[in-house]
Amino acid sequence: MPYIKLSQQIEKLQNPQRSDAFVKQLRAAVREGELDAGELPERFALPKSFSKRGGGECYSRSVRDMVIDATPEFEVWFERINRELTPLRTGGKVHTTVENIEAGLIDFKTLAAQTRQKMTASYTKGQTLGTSRASANAKAPVKKTSAKRK
């Protein structure tokens, strides 16, 4: 039976930035009994680079290596997961311009419906904000009466 190490299999990923997600899904598949694998005592660093907020520092995580039974079922599972973890390139977002609408790249009816929905939400938000402020101010102010002193 052929066996392969997790560290070697991760090198075959098309998107190495998703290596942490691959490890998580592999562990879940082993836990649920879909695949057969065993943990090894050594660790290896994931190819993904993590960055800390507020700074330019990057770091990498290390995980325990595993030995995987490389069956045809595993190969099918790996191809499916690799496809799921690889983002589809759509070529970027089409900007809303008159030229793109006339060319048919943007559906005008959908754009009009989205605009209407956005404007309605904004108007409703303004109305509720105005009524909440009006009801807060509608409370009668307490009149200060000064007692006449003799």
Protein backbone atom coordinates (compact mmCIF):
# COMPACT_ATOMS: atom_id res chain seq x y z
CA MET A 1 0.00 0.00 0.00
CA PRO A 2 1.35 3.46 -0.88
CA TYR A 3 1.50 6.01 1.94
CA ILE A 4 2.06 9.72 1.68
CA LYS A 5 2.89 12.33 4.29
CA LEU A 6 0.65 15.34 4.86
CA SER A 7 3.60 17.68 4.35
CA GLN A 8 4.17 16.18 0.86
CA GLN A 9 0.47 16.34 -0.02
CA ILE A 10 0.19 20.01 0.93
CA GLU A 11 2.85 20.82 -1.68
CA LYS A 12 0.37 19.60 -4.32
CA LEU A 13 -2.27 22.18 -3.36
CA GLN A 14 -2.98 24.73 -6.09
CA ASN A 15 -3.59 27.46 -3.50
CA PRO A 16 -1.03 27.19 -0.64
CA GLN A 17 -2.73 30.04 1.25
CA ARG A 18 -5.60 27.62 1.99
CA SER A 19 -3.32 24.96 3.51
CA ASP A 20 -4.78 25.53 6.99
CA ALA A 21 -8.29 24.87 5.67
CA PHE A 22 -7.02 21.71 3.94
CA VAL A 23 -5.52 20.40 7.18
CA LYS A 24 -8.77 21.13 9.01
CA GLN A 25 -10.83 19.27 6.39
CA LEU A 26 -8.41 16.34 6.34
CA ARG A 27 -8.60 15.98 10.12
CA ALA A 28 -12.41 16.10 9.95
CA ALA A 29 -12.45 13.40 7.25
CA VAL A 30 -10.16 11.16 9.33
CA ARG A 31 -12.25 11.75 12.45
CA GLU A 32 -15.47 10.84 10.59
CA GLY A 33 -13.91 7.70 9.10
CA GLU A 34 -13.88 8.82 5.45
CA LEU A 35 -10.10 8.48 5.20
CA ASP A 36 -7.39 6.53 7.00
CA ALA A 37 -4.45 8.44 8.41
CA GLY A 38 -2.18 8.37 11.44
CA GLU A 39 -0.34 11.13 13.28
CA LEU A 40 3.44 11.31 13.28
CA PRO A 41 5.50 12.89 16.06
CA GLU A 42 7.24 15.47 13.85
CA ARG A 43 5.81 18.86 12.91
CA PHE A 44 6.11 20.97 9.77
CA ALA A 45 5.37 24.60 8.89
CA LEU A 46 2.38 25.38 6.72
CA PRO A 47 3.15 27.32 3.53
CA LYS A 48 0.46 29.86 4.44
CA SER A 49 1.74 33.14 5.83
CA PHE A 50 -0.39 34.75 8.52
CA SER A 51 -0.18 38.47 9.21
CA LYS A 52 -0.79 40.23 12.49
CA ARG A 53 -3.22 43.13 12.66
CA GLY A 54 -1.78 46.57 12.97
CA GLY A 55 1.67 45.59 11.79
CA GLY A 56 3.52 44.23 8.83
CA GLU A 57 4.72 41.14 10.67
CA CYS A 58 4.06 37.73 9.13
CA TYR A 59 4.32 34.36 10.77
CA SER A 60 3.61 30.74 9.94
CA ARG A 61 1.98 27.95 11.91
CA SER A 62 3.29 24.46 12.40
CA VAL A 63 1.10 21.36 12.57
CA ARG A 64 1.71 17.70 13.33
CA ASP A 65 2.53 15.64 10.31
CA MET A 66 0.34 12.70 9.37
CA VAL A 67 0.80 9.62 7.23
CA ILE A 68 -2.12 9.11 4.83
CA ASP A 69 -3.22 5.93 3.09
CA ALA A 70 -3.09 7.03 -0.57
CA THR A 71 -6.03 5.03 -1.89
CA PRO A 72 -8.01 5.93 -5.02
CA GLU A 73 -10.77 7.22 -2.70
CA PHE A 74 -8.24 9.61 -1.12
CA GLU A 75 -7.15 10.85 -4.55
CA VAL A 76 -10.78 11.59 -5.50
CA TRP A 77 -11.32 13.31 -2.13
CA PHE A 78 -8.12 15.36 -2.57
CA GLU A 79 -9.09 16.51 -6.08
CA ARG A 80 -12.52 17.63 -4.84
CA ILE A 81 -11.10 19.52 -1.82
CA ASN A 82 -8.34 21.07 -3.94
CA ARG A 83 -10.97 22.37 -6.39
CA GLU A 84 -13.08 23.78 -3.53
CA LEU A 85 -10.10 25.58 -2.01
CA THR A 86 -9.01 27.15 -5.30
CA PRO A 87 -10.89 30.40 -5.99
CA LEU A 88 -12.41 30.88 -9.41
CA ARG A 89 -11.06 33.89 -11.23
CA THR A 90 -13.95 35.89 -12.64
CA GLY A 91 -11.80 38.60 -14.13
CA GLY A 92 -12.71 41.24 -11.60
CA LYS A 93 -15.80 43.31 -10.96
CA VAL A 94 -17.53 45.11 -13.80
CA HIS A 95 -17.86 48.78 -12.91
CA THR A 96 -21.22 50.48 -13.23
CA THR A 97 -20.96 52.84 -16.18
CA VAL A 98 -23.34 53.86 -18.95
CA GLU A 99 -21.08 52.12 -21.49
CA ASN A 100 -21.22 48.81 -19.56
CA ILE A 101 -25.01 49.05 -19.22
CA GLU A 102 -25.38 49.76 -22.95
CA ALA A 103 -23.02 46.88 -23.77
CA GLY A 104 -25.20 44.55 -21.72
CA LEU A 105 -22.54 43.72 -19.14
CA ILE A 106 -24.82 45.01 -16.37
CA ASP A 107 -28.55 44.28 -16.19
CA PHE A 108 -30.29 47.65 -15.88
CA LYS A 109 -33.46 46.22 -14.28
CA THR A 110 -31.40 44.56 -11.54
CA LEU A 111 -29.41 47.76 -11.01
CA ALA A 112 -32.64 49.78 -10.73
CA ALA A 113 -34.12 47.28 -8.24
CA GLN A 114 -30.97 47.40 -6.10
CA THR A 115 -30.97 51.22 -6.18
CA ARG A 116 -34.66 51.33 -5.22
CA GLN A 117 -34.07 48.93 -2.33
CA LYS A 118 -31.08 50.95 -1.10
CA MET A 119 -32.97 54.23 -1.30
CA THR A 120 -36.00 52.77 0.51
CA ALA A 121 -33.80 51.40 3.29
CA SER A 122 -32.07 54.77 3.67
CA TYR A 123 -35.39 56.65 3.73
CA THR A 124 -36.91 54.25 6.28
CA LYS A 125 -33.85 54.53 8.48
CA GLY A 126 -34.08 58.32 8.40
CA GLN A 127 -37.80 58.24 9.22
CA THR A 128 -37.33 55.93 12.22
CA LEU A 129 -34.43 58.04 13.43
CA GLY A 130 -36.56 61.19 13.15
CA THR A 131 -39.55 59.68 14.94
CA SER A 132 -37.37 58.32 17.74
CA ARG A 133 -35.84 61.76 18.27
CA ALA A 134 -39.25 63.43 18.09
CA SER A 135 -40.72 61.04 20.67
CA ALA A 136 -37.75 61.64 22.95
CA ASN A 137 -38.27 65.39 22.73
CA ALA A 138 -42.06 65.07 22.99
CA LYS A 139 -41.92 64.35 26.67
CA ALA A 140 -43.13 67.44 28.44
CA PRO A 141 -40.31 69.19 30.18
CA VAL A 142 -40.71 69.43 33.90
CA LYS A 143 -41.59 72.98 34.82
CA LYS A 144 -39.57 74.41 37.56
CA THR A 145 -41.79 76.29 39.92
CA SER A 146 -40.21 78.47 42.40
CA ALA A 147 -41.87 78.56 45.74
CA LYS A 148 -42.62 82.03 46.91
CA ARG A 149 -40.75 82.82 50.01
CA LYS A 150 -42.10 85.13 52.53
